[in-house]
Amino acid sequence: MDHIYHIDLYSIIQVFHITACHINLVFP
């Protein structure tokens, strides 16, 4: 269960990072 949680958490961080980069491109 911890392994699944780790993958889910990594996915959330990855999406957050992509969103942050997108916002940075839209609002430099």
PDB file of N, CA and C in Angstrom:
ATOM      1  N   MET A   1       0.844  -1.203   0.000  1.00  0.00           N
ATOM      2  CA  MET A   1       0.000   0.000   0.000  1.00  0.00           C
ATOM      3  C   MET A   1       0.880   1.255   0.000  1.00  0.00           C
ATOM      4  N   ASP A   2       1.970   1.208   0.725  1.00  0.00           N
ATOM      5  CA  ASP A   2       2.880   2.365   0.758  1.00  0.00           C
ATOM      6  C   ASP A   2       3.474   2.612  -0.620  1.00  0.00           C
ATOM      7  N   HIS A   3       3.702   1.519  -1.370  1.00  0.00           N
ATOM      8  CA  HIS A   3       4.291   1.654  -2.697  1.00  0.00           C
ATOM      9  C   HIS A   3       3.310   2.346  -3.641  1.00  0.00           C
ATOM     10  N   ILE A   4       2.036   1.975  -3.537  1.00  0.00           N
ATOM     11  CA  ILE A   4       1.016   2.599  -4.380  1.00  0.00           C
ATOM     12  C   ILE A   4       0.883   4.072  -4.004  1.00  0.00           C
ATOM     13  N   TYR A   5       0.932   4.365  -2.715  1.00  0.00           N
ATOM     14  CA  TYR A   5       0.825   5.743  -2.253  1.00  0.00           C
ATOM     15  C   TYR A   5       2.005   6.567  -2.776  1.00  0.00           C
ATOM     16  N   HIS A   6       3.178   5.939  -2.823  1.00  0.00           N
ATOM     17  CA  HIS A   6       4.374   6.633  -3.311  1.00  0.00           C
ATOM     18  C   HIS A   6       4.209   6.987  -4.783  1.00  0.00           C
ATOM     19  N   ILE A   7       3.673   6.068  -5.581  1.00  0.00           N
ATOM     20  CA  ILE A   7       3.474   6.327  -7.002  1.00  0.00           C
ATOM     21  C   ILE A   7       2.431   7.437  -7.183  1.00  0.00           C
ATOM     22  N   ASP A   8       1.357   7.390  -6.397  1.00  0.00           N
ATOM     23  CA  ASP A   8       0.308   8.397  -6.512  1.00  0.00           C
ATOM     24  C   ASP A   8       0.854   9.763  -6.123  1.00  0.00           C
ATOM     25  N   LEU A   9       1.645   9.796  -5.056  1.00  0.00           N
ATOM     26  CA  LEU A   9       2.213  11.060  -4.602  1.00  0.00           C
ATOM     27  C   LEU A   9       3.168  11.616  -5.652  1.00  0.00           C
ATOM     28  N   TYR A  10       3.955  10.741  -6.279  1.00  0.00           N
ATOM     29  CA  TYR A  10       4.894  11.177  -7.313  1.00  0.00           C
ATOM     30  C   TYR A  10       4.135  11.747  -8.509  1.00  0.00           C
ATOM     31  N   SER A  11       3.003  11.111  -8.839  1.00  0.00           N
ATOM     32  CA  SER A  11       2.200  11.584  -9.965  1.00  0.00           C
ATOM     33  C   SER A  11       1.638  12.971  -9.677  1.00  0.00           C
ATOM     34  N   ILE A  12       1.194  13.177  -8.433  1.00  0.00           N
ATOM     35  CA  ILE A  12       0.647  14.486  -8.051  1.00  0.00           C
ATOM     36  C   ILE A  12       1.732  15.552  -8.129  1.00  0.00           C
ATOM     37  N   ILE A  13       2.929  15.217  -7.657  1.00  0.00           N
ATOM     38  CA  ILE A  13       4.041  16.170  -7.693  1.00  0.00           C
ATOM     39  C   ILE A  13       4.410  16.485  -9.140  1.00  0.00           C
ATOM     40  N   GLN A  14       4.379  15.444  -9.993  1.00  0.00           N
ATOM     41  CA  GLN A  14       4.731  15.633 -11.397  1.00  0.00           C
ATOM     42  C   GLN A  14       3.730  16.560 -12.073  1.00  0.00           C
ATOM     43  N   VAL A  15       2.445  16.355 -11.810  1.00  0.00           N
ATOM     44  CA  VAL A  15       1.404  17.204 -12.399  1.00  0.00           C
ATOM     45  C   VAL A  15       1.549  18.628 -11.883  1.00  0.00           C
ATOM     46  N   PHE A  16       1.846  18.760 -10.569  1.00  0.00           N
ATOM     47  CA  PHE A  16       2.010  20.087  -9.981  1.00  0.00           C
ATOM     48  C   PHE A  16       3.194  20.809 -10.625  1.00  0.00           C
ATOM     49  N   HIS A  17       4.267  20.064 -10.897  1.00  0.00           N
ATOM     50  CA  HIS A  17       5.457  20.659 -11.508  1.00  0.00           C
ATOM     51  C   HIS A  17       5.160  21.128 -12.929  1.00  0.00           C
ATOM     52  N   ILE A  18       4.421  20.308 -13.682  1.00  0.00           N
ATOM     53  CA  ILE A  18       4.060  20.684 -15.055  1.00  0.00           C
ATOM     54  C   ILE A  18       3.162  21.918 -15.035  1.00  0.00           C
ATOM     55  N   THR A  19       2.217  21.952 -14.088  1.00  0.00           N
ATOM     56  CA  THR A  19       1.311  23.098 -13.981  1.00  0.00           C
ATOM     57  C   THR A  19       2.088  24.357 -13.622  1.00  0.00           C
ATOM     58  N   ALA A  20       3.045  24.213 -12.703  1.00  0.00           N
ATOM     59  CA  ALA A  20       3.850  25.358 -12.285  1.00  0.00           C
ATOM     60  C   ALA A  20       4.663  25.894 -13.464  1.00  0.00           C
ATOM     61  N   CYS A  21       5.196  24.992 -14.270  1.00  0.00           N
ATOM     62  CA  CYS A  21       5.979  25.419 -15.438  1.00  0.00           C
ATOM     63  C   CYS A  21       5.070  26.126 -16.440  1.00  0.00           C
ATOM     64  N   HIS A  22       3.856  25.613 -16.606  1.00  0.00           N
ATOM     65  CA  HIS A  22       2.919  26.216 -17.549  1.00  0.00           C
ATOM     66  C   HIS A  22       2.546  27.623 -17.092  1.00  0.00           C
ATOM     67  N   ILE A  23       2.306  27.780 -15.788  1.00  0.00           N
ATOM     68  CA  ILE A  23       1.952  29.105 -15.253  1.00  0.00           C
ATOM     69  C   ILE A  23       3.140  30.050 -15.425  1.00  0.00           C
ATOM     70  N   ASN A  24       4.334  29.511 -15.257  1.00  0.00           N
ATOM     71  CA  ASN A  24       5.537  30.329 -15.394  1.00  0.00           C
ATOM     72  C   ASN A  24       5.696  30.800 -16.836  1.00  0.00           C
ATOM     73  N   LEU A  25       5.263  29.980 -17.801  1.00  0.00           N
ATOM     74  CA  LEU A  25       5.358  30.364 -19.208  1.00  0.00           C
ATOM     75  C   LEU A  25       4.283  31.391 -19.551  1.00  0.00           C
ATOM     76  N   VAL A  26       3.097  31.230 -18.950  1.00  0.00           N
ATOM     77  CA  VAL A  26       1.998  32.154 -19.231  1.00  0.00           C
ATOM     78  C   VAL A  26       2.229  33.486 -18.529  1.00  0.00           C
ATOM     79  N   PHE A  27       2.718  33.417 -17.279  1.00  0.00           N
ATOM     80  CA  PHE A  27       2.987  34.633 -16.510  1.00  0.00           C
ATOM     81  C   PHE A  27       4.462  34.680 -16.122  1.00  0.00           C
ATOM     82  N   PRO A  28       5.323  35.113 -17.018  1.00  0.00           N
ATOM     83  CA  PRO A  28       6.756  35.149 -16.749  1.00  0.00           C
ATOM     84  C   PRO A  28       7.113  36.199 -15.681  1.00  0.00           C
TER      85      PRO A  28
END
